[in-house]
Amino acid sequence: MKWITSLLLIALLSLAAELYLPFWSVALISFGVVAAIPQTSWKAFLCGFAALFLLWSCLAFYMDAQNNQILSSRVSLLFLKIKSPILLVLVTGFLGGIVGGMGALSASFLRSPETQG
């Protein structure tokens, strides 16, 4: 139950923060949520990773669908050397997941081993 609550809190607060703050603010939000709701290191990383992977993938897919995949096909051709907008959306989600996971993992390492639950 703590994991699902943390996942939803990270996703919703990150969505709100991305409207006004830079992209790395999601790491601070992941850090804060996991510091407030303690978890083991693996659960914390997976929670931060899953929340941001889903959020960034959904946002990238939504923005991509609005312009008929014109920009994402060209960017994927430039960076990935193949014309695959869906792969670019997944790479975007993966990068967001790594940022969120590392923020959450940092918060779990901040706690002493006897308070890890």
PDB file of N, CA and C in Angstrom:
ATOM      1  N   MET A   1       0.821  -1.196   0.000  1.00  0.00           N
ATOM      2  CA  MET A   1       0.000   0.000   0.000  1.00  0.00           C
ATOM      3  C   MET A   1       0.870   1.267   0.000  1.00  0.00           C
ATOM      4  N   LYS A   2       1.996   1.207   0.759  1.00  0.00           N
ATOM      5  CA  LYS A   2       2.892   2.369   0.773  1.00  0.00           C
ATOM      6  C   LYS A   2       3.483   2.606  -0.613  1.00  0.00           C
ATOM      7  N   TRP A   3       3.748   1.505  -1.326  1.00  0.00           N
ATOM      8  CA  TRP A   3       4.367   1.631  -2.631  1.00  0.00           C
ATOM      9  C   TRP A   3       3.432   2.322  -3.619  1.00  0.00           C
ATOM     10  N   ILE A   4       2.176   1.923  -3.615  1.00  0.00           N
ATOM     11  CA  ILE A   4       1.198   2.519  -4.542  1.00  0.00           C
ATOM     12  C   ILE A   4       0.946   3.976  -4.183  1.00  0.00           C
ATOM     13  N   THR A   5       0.862   4.267  -2.884  1.00  0.00           N
ATOM     14  CA  THR A   5       0.672   5.649  -2.445  1.00  0.00           C
ATOM     15  C   THR A   5       1.853   6.508  -2.875  1.00  0.00           C
ATOM     16  N   SER A   6       3.050   5.995  -2.692  1.00  0.00           N
ATOM     17  CA  SER A   6       4.249   6.739  -3.097  1.00  0.00           C
ATOM     18  C   SER A   6       4.278   6.947  -4.603  1.00  0.00           C
ATOM     19  N   LEU A   7       3.931   5.911  -5.357  1.00  0.00           N
ATOM     20  CA  LEU A   7       3.915   6.015  -6.811  1.00  0.00           C
ATOM     21  C   LEU A   7       2.951   7.098  -7.278  1.00  0.00           C
ATOM     22  N   LEU A   8       1.755   7.093  -6.725  1.00  0.00           N
ATOM     23  CA  LEU A   8       0.767   8.105  -7.120  1.00  0.00           C
ATOM     24  C   LEU A   8       1.186   9.508  -6.699  1.00  0.00           C
ATOM     25  N   LEU A   9       1.746   9.635  -5.493  1.00  0.00           N
ATOM     26  CA  LEU A   9       2.198  10.949  -5.036  1.00  0.00           C
ATOM     27  C   LEU A   9       3.329  11.485  -5.899  1.00  0.00           C
ATOM     28  N   ILE A  10       4.291  10.636  -6.218  1.00  0.00           N
ATOM     29  CA  ILE A  10       5.403  11.075  -7.066  1.00  0.00           C
ATOM     30  C   ILE A  10       4.893  11.500  -8.438  1.00  0.00           C
ATOM     31  N   ALA A  11       4.001  10.714  -9.015  1.00  0.00           N
ATOM     32  CA  ALA A  11       3.496  11.037 -10.360  1.00  0.00           C
ATOM     33  C   ALA A  11       2.688  12.336 -10.360  1.00  0.00           C
ATOM     34  N   LEU A  12       1.794  12.502  -9.403  1.00  0.00           N
ATOM     35  CA  LEU A  12       0.946  13.698  -9.385  1.00  0.00           C
ATOM     36  C   LEU A  12       1.730  14.961  -9.037  1.00  0.00           C
ATOM     37  N   LEU A  13       2.610  14.869  -8.047  1.00  0.00           N
ATOM     38  CA  LEU A  13       3.403  16.048  -7.695  1.00  0.00           C
ATOM     39  C   LEU A  13       4.390  16.407  -8.806  1.00  0.00           C
ATOM     40  N   SER A  14       4.925  15.411  -9.477  1.00  0.00           N
ATOM     41  CA  SER A  14       5.842  15.679 -10.595  1.00  0.00           C
ATOM     42  C   SER A  14       5.118  16.314 -11.767  1.00  0.00           C
ATOM     43  N   LEU A  15       3.895  15.873 -12.012  1.00  0.00           N
ATOM     44  CA  LEU A  15       3.105  16.479 -13.083  1.00  0.00           C
ATOM     45  C   LEU A  15       2.854  17.953 -12.796  1.00  0.00           C
ATOM     46  N   ALA A  16       2.519  18.258 -11.551  1.00  0.00           N
ATOM     47  CA  ALA A  16       2.286  19.661 -11.179  1.00  0.00           C
ATOM     48  C   ALA A  16       3.580  20.470 -11.213  1.00  0.00           C
ATOM     49  N   ALA A  17       4.682  19.870 -10.777  1.00  0.00           N
ATOM     50  CA  ALA A  17       5.952  20.594 -10.736  1.00  0.00           C
ATOM     51  C   ALA A  17       6.494  20.884 -12.124  1.00  0.00           C
ATOM     52  N   GLU A  18       6.253  19.997 -13.072  1.00  0.00           N
ATOM     53  CA  GLU A  18       6.797  20.195 -14.411  1.00  0.00           C
ATOM     54  C   GLU A  18       6.160  21.367 -15.140  1.00  0.00           C
ATOM     55  N   LEU A  19       5.060  21.869 -14.629  1.00  0.00           N
ATOM     56  CA  LEU A  19       4.452  23.045 -15.248  1.00  0.00           C
ATOM     57  C   LEU A  19       5.251  24.308 -14.973  1.00  0.00           C
ATOM     58  N   TYR A  20       5.960  24.352 -13.833  1.00  0.00           N
ATOM     59  CA  TYR A  20       6.626  25.583 -13.422  1.00  0.00           C
ATOM     60  C   TYR A  20       8.119  25.436 -13.165  1.00  0.00           C
ATOM     61  N   LEU A  21       8.590  24.228 -12.916  1.00  0.00           N
ATOM     62  CA  LEU A  21       9.970  24.013 -12.507  1.00  0.00           C
ATOM     63  C   LEU A  21      10.738  23.254 -13.590  1.00  0.00           C
ATOM     64  N   PRO A  22      12.078  23.235 -13.505  1.00  0.00           N
ATOM     65  CA  PRO A  22      12.863  22.487 -14.501  1.00  0.00           C
ATOM     66  C   PRO A  22      12.684  20.979 -14.362  1.00  0.00           C
ATOM     67  N   PHE A  23      13.199  20.239 -15.342  1.00  0.00           N
ATOM     68  CA  PHE A  23      12.954  18.801 -15.395  1.00  0.00           C
ATOM     69  C   PHE A  23      13.535  18.062 -14.192  1.00  0.00           C
ATOM     70  N   TRP A  24      14.625  18.538 -13.639  1.00  0.00           N
ATOM     71  CA  TRP A  24      15.269  17.822 -12.543  1.00  0.00           C
ATOM     72  C   TRP A  24      14.526  17.973 -11.226  1.00  0.00           C
ATOM     73  N   SER A  25      13.491  18.779 -11.182  1.00  0.00           N
ATOM     74  CA  SER A  25      12.712  18.922  -9.951  1.00  0.00           C
ATOM     75  C   SER A  25      11.984  17.623  -9.601  1.00  0.00           C
ATOM     76  N   VAL A  26      11.791  16.746 -10.582  1.00  0.00           N
ATOM     77  CA  VAL A  26      11.141  15.464 -10.295  1.00  0.00           C
ATOM     78  C   VAL A  26      12.015  14.598  -9.404  1.00  0.00           C
ATOM     79  N   ALA A  27      13.332  14.756  -9.468  1.00  0.00           N
ATOM     80  CA  ALA A  27      14.232  14.021  -8.572  1.00  0.00           C
ATOM     81  C   ALA A  27      14.037  14.496  -7.137  1.00  0.00           C
ATOM     82  N   LEU A  28      13.846  15.786  -6.952  1.00  0.00           N
ATOM     83  CA  LEU A  28      13.597  16.314  -5.610  1.00  0.00           C
ATOM     84  C   LEU A  28      12.260  15.835  -5.063  1.00  0.00           C
ATOM     85  N   ILE A  29      11.280  15.732  -5.931  1.00  0.00           N
ATOM     86  CA  ILE A  29       9.966  15.254  -5.501  1.00  0.00           C
ATOM     87  C   ILE A  29      10.044  13.780  -5.130  1.00  0.00           C
ATOM     88  N   SER A  30      10.721  12.987  -5.925  1.00  0.00           N
ATOM     89  CA  SER A  30      10.907  11.568  -5.591  1.00  0.00           C
ATOM     90  C   SER A  30      11.641  11.422  -4.270  1.00  0.00           C
ATOM     91  N   PHE A  31      12.656  12.235  -4.084  1.00  0.00           N
ATOM     92  CA  PHE A  31      13.413  12.227  -2.835  1.00  0.00           C
ATOM     93  C   PHE A  31      12.510  12.556  -1.651  1.00  0.00           C
ATOM     94  N   GLY A  32      11.713  13.611  -1.798  1.00  0.00           N
ATOM     95  CA  GLY A  32      10.837  14.028  -0.701  1.00  0.00           C
ATOM     96  C   GLY A  32       9.761  13.015  -0.349  1.00  0.00           C
ATOM     97  N   VAL A  33       9.174  12.410  -1.359  1.00  0.00           N
ATOM     98  CA  VAL A  33       8.109  11.436  -1.104  1.00  0.00           C
ATOM     99  C   VAL A  33       8.664  10.202  -0.411  1.00  0.00           C
ATOM    100  N   VAL A  34       9.801   9.700  -0.888  1.00  0.00           N
ATOM    101  CA  VAL A  34      10.376   8.501  -0.272  1.00  0.00           C
ATOM    102  C   VAL A  34      10.953   8.816   1.104  1.00  0.00           C
ATOM    103  N   ALA A  35      11.415  10.041   1.319  1.00  0.00           N
ATOM    104  CA  ALA A  35      11.865  10.423   2.659  1.00  0.00           C
ATOM    105  C   ALA A  35      10.681  10.480   3.623  1.00  0.00           C
ATOM    106  N   ALA A  36       9.521  10.879   3.138  1.00  0.00           N
ATOM    107  CA  ALA A  36       8.332  10.953   3.992  1.00  0.00           C
ATOM    108  C   ALA A  36       7.674   9.591   4.193  1.00  0.00           C
ATOM    109  N   ILE A  37       7.721   8.752   3.168  1.00  0.00           N
ATOM    110  CA  ILE A  37       7.137   7.404   3.245  1.00  0.00           C
ATOM    111  C   ILE A  37       8.284   6.417   3.044  1.00  0.00           C
ATOM    112  N   PRO A  38       8.933   5.979   4.126  1.00  0.00           N
ATOM    113  CA  PRO A  38      10.142   5.157   3.986  1.00  0.00           C
ATOM    114  C   PRO A  38       9.875   3.792   3.364  1.00  0.00           C
ATOM    115  N   GLN A  39      10.821   3.388   2.525  1.00  0.00           N
ATOM    116  CA  GLN A  39      10.764   2.097   1.845  1.00  0.00           C
ATOM    117  C   GLN A  39      12.171   1.532   1.752  1.00  0.00           C
ATOM    118  N   THR A  40      12.267   0.258   1.439  1.00  0.00           N
ATOM    119  CA  THR A  40      13.587  -0.322   1.209  1.00  0.00           C
ATOM    120  C   THR A  40      14.161   0.249  -0.079  1.00  0.00           C
ATOM    121  N   SER A  41      15.448   0.046  -0.275  1.00  0.00           N
ATOM    122  CA  SER A  41      16.109   0.692  -1.405  1.00  0.00           C
ATOM    123  C   SER A  41      15.567   0.224  -2.752  1.00  0.00           C
ATOM    124  N   TRP A  42      15.333  -1.084  -2.922  1.00  0.00           N
ATOM    125  CA  TRP A  42      14.816  -1.572  -4.200  1.00  0.00           C
ATOM    126  C   TRP A  42      13.402  -1.080  -4.460  1.00  0.00           C
ATOM    127  N   LYS A  43      12.563  -1.113  -3.434  1.00  0.00           N
ATOM    128  CA  LYS A  43      11.187  -0.635  -3.611  1.00  0.00           C
ATOM    129  C   LYS A  43      11.171   0.858  -3.905  1.00  0.00           C
ATOM    130  N   ALA A  44      12.044   1.608  -3.251  1.00  0.00           N
ATOM    131  CA  ALA A  44      12.110   3.050  -3.484  1.00  0.00           C
ATOM    132  C   ALA A  44      12.529   3.349  -4.913  1.00  0.00           C
ATOM    133  N   PHE A  45      13.585   2.659  -5.382  1.00  0.00           N
ATOM    134  CA  PHE A  45      14.034   2.889  -6.755  1.00  0.00           C
ATOM    135  C   PHE A  45      12.949   2.526  -7.756  1.00  0.00           C
ATOM    136  N   LEU A  46      12.328   1.368  -7.579  1.00  0.00           N
ATOM    137  CA  LEU A  46      11.277   0.942  -8.513  1.00  0.00           C
ATOM    138  C   LEU A  46      10.075   1.875  -8.475  1.00  0.00           C
ATOM    139  N   CYS A  47       9.766   2.393  -7.311  1.00  0.00           N
ATOM    140  CA  CYS A  47       8.638   3.326  -7.194  1.00  0.00           C
ATOM    141  C   CYS A  47       8.923   4.619  -7.963  1.00  0.00           C
ATOM    142  N   GLY A  48      10.101   5.200  -7.729  1.00  0.00           N
ATOM    143  CA  GLY A  48      10.474   6.420  -8.449  1.00  0.00           C
ATOM    144  C   GLY A  48      10.602   6.194  -9.940  1.00  0.00           C
ATOM    145  N   PHE A  49      11.206   5.060 -10.308  1.00  0.00           N
ATOM    146  CA  PHE A  49      11.373   4.745 -11.724  1.00  0.00           C
ATOM    147  C   PHE A  49      10.022   4.560 -12.405  1.00  0.00           C
ATOM    148  N   ALA A  50       9.150   3.755 -11.800  1.00  0.00           N
ATOM    149  CA  ALA A  50       7.848   3.468 -12.425  1.00  0.00           C
ATOM    150  C   ALA A  50       6.993   4.720 -12.549  1.00  0.00           C
ATOM    151  N   ALA A  51       6.983   5.538 -11.505  1.00  0.00           N
ATOM    152  CA  ALA A  51       6.159   6.757 -11.529  1.00  0.00           C
ATOM    153  C   ALA A  51       6.595   7.695 -12.647  1.00  0.00           C
ATOM    154  N   LEU A  52       7.892   7.935 -12.742  1.00  0.00           N
ATOM    155  CA  LEU A  52       8.374   8.873 -13.754  1.00  0.00           C
ATOM    156  C   LEU A  52       8.400   8.264 -15.143  1.00  0.00           C
ATOM    157  N   PHE A  53       8.642   6.958 -15.251  1.00  0.00           N
ATOM    158  CA  PHE A  53       8.581   6.309 -16.554  1.00  0.00           C
ATOM    159  C   PHE A  53       7.177   6.424 -17.131  1.00  0.00           C
ATOM    160  N   LEU A  54       6.183   6.116 -16.324  1.00  0.00           N
ATOM    161  CA  LEU A  54       4.797   6.208 -16.802  1.00  0.00           C
ATOM    162  C   LEU A  54       4.400   7.648 -17.111  1.00  0.00           C
ATOM    163  N   LEU A  55       4.773   8.568 -16.232  1.00  0.00           N
ATOM    164  CA  LEU A  55       4.406   9.970 -16.442  1.00  0.00           C
ATOM    165  C   LEU A  55       5.053  10.530 -17.705  1.00  0.00           C
ATOM    166  N   TRP A  56       6.362  10.387 -17.838  1.00  0.00           N
ATOM    167  CA  TRP A  56       7.051  10.961 -18.994  1.00  0.00           C
ATOM    168  C   TRP A  56       6.672  10.259 -20.285  1.00  0.00           C
ATOM    169  N   SER A  57       6.443   8.953 -20.232  1.00  0.00           N
ATOM    170  CA  SER A  57       6.024   8.248 -21.448  1.00  0.00           C
ATOM    171  C   SER A  57       4.639   8.711 -21.894  1.00  0.00           C
ATOM    172  N   CYS A  58       3.726   8.833 -20.945  1.00  0.00           N
ATOM    173  CA  CYS A  58       2.372   9.289 -21.296  1.00  0.00           C
ATOM    174  C   CYS A  58       2.383  10.722 -21.813  1.00  0.00           C
ATOM    175  N   LEU A  59       3.162  11.594 -21.166  1.00  0.00           N
ATOM    176  CA  LEU A  59       3.242  12.980 -21.630  1.00  0.00           C
ATOM    177  C   LEU A  59       3.888  13.074 -23.014  1.00  0.00           C
ATOM    178  N   ALA A  60       4.945  12.298 -23.240  1.00  0.00           N
ATOM    179  CA  ALA A  60       5.602  12.321 -24.553  1.00  0.00           C
ATOM    180  C   ALA A  60       4.675  11.771 -25.629  1.00  0.00           C
ATOM    181  N   PHE A  61       3.951  10.706 -25.308  1.00  0.00           N
ATOM    182  CA  PHE A  61       3.014  10.141 -26.283  1.00  0.00           C
ATOM    183  C   PHE A  61       1.888  11.125 -26.583  1.00  0.00           C
ATOM    184  N   TYR A  62       1.380  11.811 -25.564  1.00  0.00           N
ATOM    185  CA  TYR A  62       0.310  12.792 -25.760  1.00  0.00           C
ATOM    186  C   TYR A  62       0.777  13.945 -26.646  1.00  0.00           C
ATOM    187  N   MET A  63       1.977  14.470 -26.361  1.00  0.00           N
ATOM    188  CA  MET A  63       2.493  15.568 -27.178  1.00  0.00           C
ATOM    189  C   MET A  63       2.805  15.104 -28.601  1.00  0.00           C
ATOM    190  N   ASP A  64       3.251  13.869 -28.716  1.00  0.00           N
ATOM    191  CA  ASP A  64       3.568  13.314 -30.024  1.00  0.00           C
ATOM    192  C   ASP A  64       2.308  13.117 -30.862  1.00  0.00           C
ATOM    193  N   ALA A  65       1.246  12.703 -30.235  1.00  0.00           N
ATOM    194  CA  ALA A  65      -0.010  12.480 -30.959  1.00  0.00           C
ATOM    195  C   ALA A  65      -0.631  13.795 -31.415  1.00  0.00           C
ATOM    196  N   GLN A  66      -0.344  14.874 -30.709  1.00  0.00           N
ATOM    197  CA  GLN A  66      -0.921  16.161 -31.087  1.00  0.00           C
ATOM    198  C   GLN A  66      -0.369  16.691 -32.402  1.00  0.00           C
ATOM    199  N   ASN A  67       0.878  16.356 -32.733  1.00  0.00           N
ATOM    200  CA  ASN A  67       1.449  16.867 -33.979  1.00  0.00           C
ATOM    201  C   ASN A  67       1.678  15.767 -35.008  1.00  0.00           C
ATOM    202  N   ASN A  68       0.910  14.684 -34.904  1.00  0.00           N
ATOM    203  CA  ASN A  68       0.940  13.587 -35.883  1.00  0.00           C
ATOM    204  C   ASN A  68       2.326  12.977 -36.061  1.00  0.00           C
ATOM    205  N   GLN A  69       3.104  12.930 -35.032  1.00  0.00           N
ATOM    206  CA  GLN A  69       4.423  12.295 -34.990  1.00  0.00           C
ATOM    207  C   GLN A  69       5.419  12.895 -35.975  1.00  0.00           C
ATOM    208  N   ILE A  70       5.242  14.130 -36.330  1.00  0.00           N
ATOM    209  CA  ILE A  70       6.170  14.759 -37.277  1.00  0.00           C
ATOM    210  C   ILE A  70       7.517  15.009 -36.600  1.00  0.00           C
ATOM    211  N   LEU A  71       7.496  15.670 -35.452  1.00  0.00           N
ATOM    212  CA  LEU A  71       8.743  16.017 -34.779  1.00  0.00           C
ATOM    213  C   LEU A  71       9.455  14.787 -34.233  1.00  0.00           C
ATOM    214  N   SER A  72       8.715  13.873 -33.628  1.00  0.00           N
ATOM    215  CA  SER A  72       9.367  12.705 -33.020  1.00  0.00           C
ATOM    216  C   SER A  72       9.989  11.792 -34.069  1.00  0.00           C
ATOM    217  N   SER A  73       9.390  11.704 -35.268  1.00  0.00           N
ATOM    218  CA  SER A  73      10.021  10.879 -36.312  1.00  0.00           C
ATOM    219  C   SER A  73      11.346  11.485 -36.746  1.00  0.00           C
ATOM    220  N   ARG A  74      11.402  12.782 -36.846  1.00  0.00           N
ATOM    221  CA  ARG A  74      12.648  13.428 -37.264  1.00  0.00           C
ATOM    222  C   ARG A  74      13.710  13.366 -36.167  1.00  0.00           C
ATOM    223  N   VAL A  75      13.297  13.557 -34.926  1.00  0.00           N
ATOM    224  CA  VAL A  75      14.254  13.492 -33.817  1.00  0.00           C
ATOM    225  C   VAL A  75      14.755  12.064 -33.632  1.00  0.00           C
ATOM    226  N   SER A  76      13.885  11.077 -33.774  1.00  0.00           N
ATOM    227  CA  SER A  76      14.333   9.690 -33.644  1.00  0.00           C
ATOM    228  C   SER A  76      15.278   9.319 -34.781  1.00  0.00           C
ATOM    229  N   LEU A  77      15.049   9.855 -35.950  1.00  0.00           N
ATOM    230  CA  LEU A  77      15.964   9.614 -37.065  1.00  0.00           C
ATOM    231  C   LEU A  77      17.321  10.265 -36.795  1.00  0.00           C
ATOM    232  N   LEU A  78      17.302  11.417 -36.154  1.00  0.00           N
ATOM    233  CA  LEU A  78      18.539  12.131 -35.853  1.00  0.00           C
ATOM    234  C   LEU A  78      19.338  11.436 -34.755  1.00  0.00           C
ATOM    235  N   PHE A  79      18.684  11.063 -33.650  1.00  0.00           N
ATOM    236  CA  PHE A  79      19.398  10.492 -32.504  1.00  0.00           C
ATOM    237  C   PHE A  79      19.532   8.976 -32.551  1.00  0.00           C
ATOM    238  N   LEU A  80      18.477   8.282 -32.932  1.00  0.00           N
ATOM    239  CA  LEU A  80      18.477   6.824 -32.876  1.00  0.00           C
ATOM    240  C   LEU A  80      18.826   6.168 -34.208  1.00  0.00           C
ATOM    241  N   LYS A  81      18.923   6.967 -35.253  1.00  0.00           N
ATOM    242  CA  LYS A  81      19.249   6.495 -36.605  1.00  0.00           C
ATOM    243  C   LYS A  81      18.193   5.574 -37.212  1.00  0.00           C
ATOM    244  N   ILE A  82      17.018   5.527 -36.620  1.00  0.00           N
ATOM    245  CA  ILE A  82      15.881   4.810 -37.199  1.00  0.00           C
ATOM    246  C   ILE A  82      14.641   5.679 -37.010  1.00  0.00           C
ATOM    247  N   LYS A  83      13.682   5.517 -37.886  1.00  0.00           N
ATOM    248  CA  LYS A  83      12.463   6.315 -37.808  1.00  0.00           C
ATOM    249  C   LYS A  83      11.446   5.553 -36.962  1.00  0.00           C
ATOM    250  N   SER A  84      11.500   5.783 -35.655  1.00  0.00           N
ATOM    251  CA  SER A  84      10.626   5.085 -34.724  1.00  0.00           C
ATOM    252  C   SER A  84      10.191   6.039 -33.612  1.00  0.00           C
ATOM    253  N   PRO A  85       9.069   6.716 -33.785  1.00  0.00           N
ATOM    254  CA  PRO A  85       8.604   7.641 -32.751  1.00  0.00           C
ATOM    255  C   PRO A  85       8.275   6.950 -31.425  1.00  0.00           C
ATOM    256  N   ILE A  86       7.780   5.715 -31.491  1.00  0.00           N
ATOM    257  CA  ILE A  86       7.437   5.003 -30.255  1.00  0.00           C
ATOM    258  C   ILE A  86       8.695   4.692 -29.451  1.00  0.00           C
ATOM    259  N   LEU A  87       9.770   4.334 -30.129  1.00  0.00           N
ATOM    260  CA  LEU A  87      11.021   4.073 -29.431  1.00  0.00           C
ATOM    261  C   LEU A  87      11.547   5.336 -28.764  1.00  0.00           C
ATOM    262  N   LEU A  88      11.371   6.475 -29.404  1.00  0.00           N
ATOM    263  CA  LEU A  88      11.780   7.739 -28.807  1.00  0.00           C
ATOM    264  C   LEU A  88      10.949   8.047 -27.561  1.00  0.00           C
ATOM    265  N   VAL A  89       9.664   7.736 -27.590  1.00  0.00           N
ATOM    266  CA  VAL A  89       8.804   7.915 -26.413  1.00  0.00           C
ATOM    267  C   VAL A  89       9.284   7.023 -25.273  1.00  0.00           C
ATOM    268  N   LEU A  90       9.653   5.790 -25.579  1.00  0.00           N
ATOM    269  CA  LEU A  90      10.141   4.873 -24.546  1.00  0.00           C
ATOM    270  C   LEU A  90      11.493   5.310 -23.991  1.00  0.00           C
ATOM    271  N   VAL A  91      12.364   5.825 -24.839  1.00  0.00           N
ATOM    272  CA  VAL A  91      13.655   6.338 -24.363  1.00  0.00           C
ATOM    273  C   VAL A  91      13.430   7.537 -23.452  1.00  0.00           C
ATOM    274  N   THR A  92      12.491   8.396 -23.807  1.00  0.00           N
ATOM    275  CA  THR A  92      12.159   9.539 -22.966  1.00  0.00           C
ATOM    276  C   THR A  92      11.652   9.080 -21.612  1.00  0.00           C
ATOM    277  N   GLY A  93      10.771   8.096 -21.603  1.00  0.00           N
ATOM    278  CA  GLY A  93      10.266   7.553 -20.347  1.00  0.00           C
ATOM    279  C   GLY A  93      11.354   6.907 -19.523  1.00  0.00           C
ATOM    280  N   PHE A  94      12.289   6.209 -20.182  1.00  0.00           N
ATOM    281  CA  PHE A  94      13.387   5.565 -19.473  1.00  0.00           C
ATOM    282  C   PHE A  94      14.283   6.595 -18.799  1.00  0.00           C
ATOM    283  N   LEU A  95      14.591   7.686 -19.493  1.00  0.00           N
ATOM    284  CA  LEU A  95      15.423   8.731 -18.895  1.00  0.00           C
ATOM    285  C   LEU A  95      14.733   9.385 -17.705  1.00  0.00           C
ATOM    286  N   GLY A  96      13.443   9.634 -17.835  1.00  0.00           N
ATOM    287  CA  GLY A  96      12.695  10.177 -16.696  1.00  0.00           C
ATOM    288  C   GLY A  96      12.651   9.200 -15.538  1.00  0.00           C
ATOM    289  N   GLY A  97      12.517   7.917 -15.847  1.00  0.00           N
ATOM    290  CA  GLY A  97      12.505   6.897 -14.805  1.00  0.00           C
ATOM    291  C   GLY A  97      13.818   6.825 -14.057  1.00  0.00           C
ATOM    292  N   ILE A  98      14.929   6.953 -14.770  1.00  0.00           N
ATOM    293  CA  ILE A  98      16.235   6.939 -14.110  1.00  0.00           C
ATOM    294  C   ILE A  98      16.375   8.132 -13.173  1.00  0.00           C
ATOM    295  N   VAL A  99      15.937   9.301 -13.602  1.00  0.00           N
ATOM    296  CA  VAL A  99      16.013  10.500 -12.753  1.00  0.00           C
ATOM    297  C   VAL A  99      15.171  10.310 -11.493  1.00  0.00           C
ATOM    298  N   GLY A 100      13.949   9.847 -11.650  1.00  0.00           N
ATOM    299  CA  GLY A 100      13.079   9.630 -10.494  1.00  0.00           C
ATOM    300  C   GLY A 100      13.563   8.513  -9.595  1.00  0.00           C
ATOM    301  N   GLY A 101      14.061   7.445 -10.184  1.00  0.00           N
ATOM    302  CA  GLY A 101      14.565   6.328  -9.403  1.00  0.00           C
ATOM    303  C   GLY A 101      15.779   6.701  -8.578  1.00  0.00           C
ATOM    304  N   MET A 102      16.675   7.481  -9.145  1.00  0.00           N
ATOM    305  CA  MET A 102      17.861   7.889  -8.396  1.00  0.00           C
ATOM    306  C   MET A 102      17.519   8.855  -7.264  1.00  0.00           C
ATOM    307  N   GLY A 103      16.540   9.708  -7.480  1.00  0.00           N
ATOM    308  CA  GLY A 103      16.099  10.587  -6.396  1.00  0.00           C
ATOM    309  C   GLY A 103      15.495   9.800  -5.247  1.00  0.00           C
ATOM    310  N   ALA A 104      14.673   8.824  -5.575  1.00  0.00           N
ATOM    311  CA  ALA A 104      14.047   7.995  -4.550  1.00  0.00           C
ATOM    312  C   ALA A 104      15.078   7.111  -3.853  1.00  0.00           C
ATOM    313  N   LEU A 105      16.024   6.570  -4.607  1.00  0.00           N
ATOM    314  CA  LEU A 105      17.058   5.725  -4.023  1.00  0.00           C
ATOM    315  C   LEU A 105      17.934   6.528  -3.061  1.00  0.00           C
ATOM    316  N   SER A 106      18.217   7.771  -3.389  1.00  0.00           N
ATOM    317  CA  SER A 106      19.004   8.625  -2.507  1.00  0.00           C
ATOM    318  C   SER A 106      18.300   8.829  -1.175  1.00  0.00           C
ATOM    319  N   ALA A 107      16.998   9.009  -1.222  1.00  0.00           N
ATOM    320  CA  ALA A 107      16.247   9.188   0.021  1.00  0.00           C
ATOM    321  C   ALA A 107      16.230   7.918   0.848  1.00  0.00           C
ATOM    322  N   SER A 108      16.169   6.762   0.211  1.00  0.00           N
ATOM    323  CA  SER A 108      16.166   5.517   0.975  1.00  0.00           C
ATOM    324  C   SER A 108      17.531   5.261   1.598  1.00  0.00           C
ATOM    325  N   PHE A 109      18.611   5.683   0.950  1.00  0.00           N
ATOM    326  CA  PHE A 109      19.946   5.527   1.519  1.00  0.00           C
ATOM    327  C   PHE A 109      20.194   6.519   2.653  1.00  0.00           C
ATOM    328  N   LEU A 110      19.424   7.582   2.690  1.00  0.00           N
ATOM    329  CA  LEU A 110      19.586   8.586   3.739  1.00  0.00           C
ATOM    330  C   LEU A 110      19.186   8.039   5.105  1.00  0.00           C
ATOM    331  N   ARG A 111      18.236   7.130   5.115  1.00  0.00           N
ATOM    332  CA  ARG A 111      17.773   6.543   6.371  1.00  0.00           C
ATOM    333  C   ARG A 111      18.791   5.542   6.887  1.00  0.00           C
ATOM    334  N   SER A 112      18.842   5.410   8.191  1.00  0.00           N
ATOM    335  CA  SER A 112      19.753   4.421   8.783  1.00  0.00           C
ATOM    336  C   SER A 112      19.201   3.012   8.563  1.00  0.00           C
ATOM    337  N   PRO A 113      20.041   1.995   8.538  1.00  0.00           N
ATOM    338  CA  PRO A 113      19.579   0.638   8.217  1.00  0.00           C
ATOM    339  C   PRO A 113      18.516   0.090   9.170  1.00  0.00           C
ATOM    340  N   GLU A 114      18.545   0.479  10.442  1.00  0.00           N
ATOM    341  CA  GLU A 114      17.550  -0.060  11.361  1.00  0.00           C
ATOM    342  C   GLU A 114      16.165   0.556  11.194  1.00  0.00           C
ATOM    343  N   THR A 115      16.073   1.693  10.509  1.00  0.00           N
ATOM    344  CA  THR A 115      14.753   2.297  10.290  1.00  0.00           C
ATOM    345  C   THR A 115      14.182   1.950   8.933  1.00  0.00           C
ATOM    346  N   GLN A 116      14.911   1.187   8.134  1.00  0.00           N
ATOM    347  CA  GLN A 116      14.382   0.793   6.823  1.00  0.00           C
ATOM    348  C   GLN A 116      13.266  -0.200   7.027  1.00  0.00           C
ATOM    349  N   GLY A 117      12.162   0.006   6.307  1.00  0.00           N
ATOM    350  CA  GLY A 117      11.034  -0.900   6.508  1.00  0.00           C
ATOM    351  C   GLY A 117      10.569  -1.407   5.266  1.00  0.00           C
TER     352      GLY A 117
END
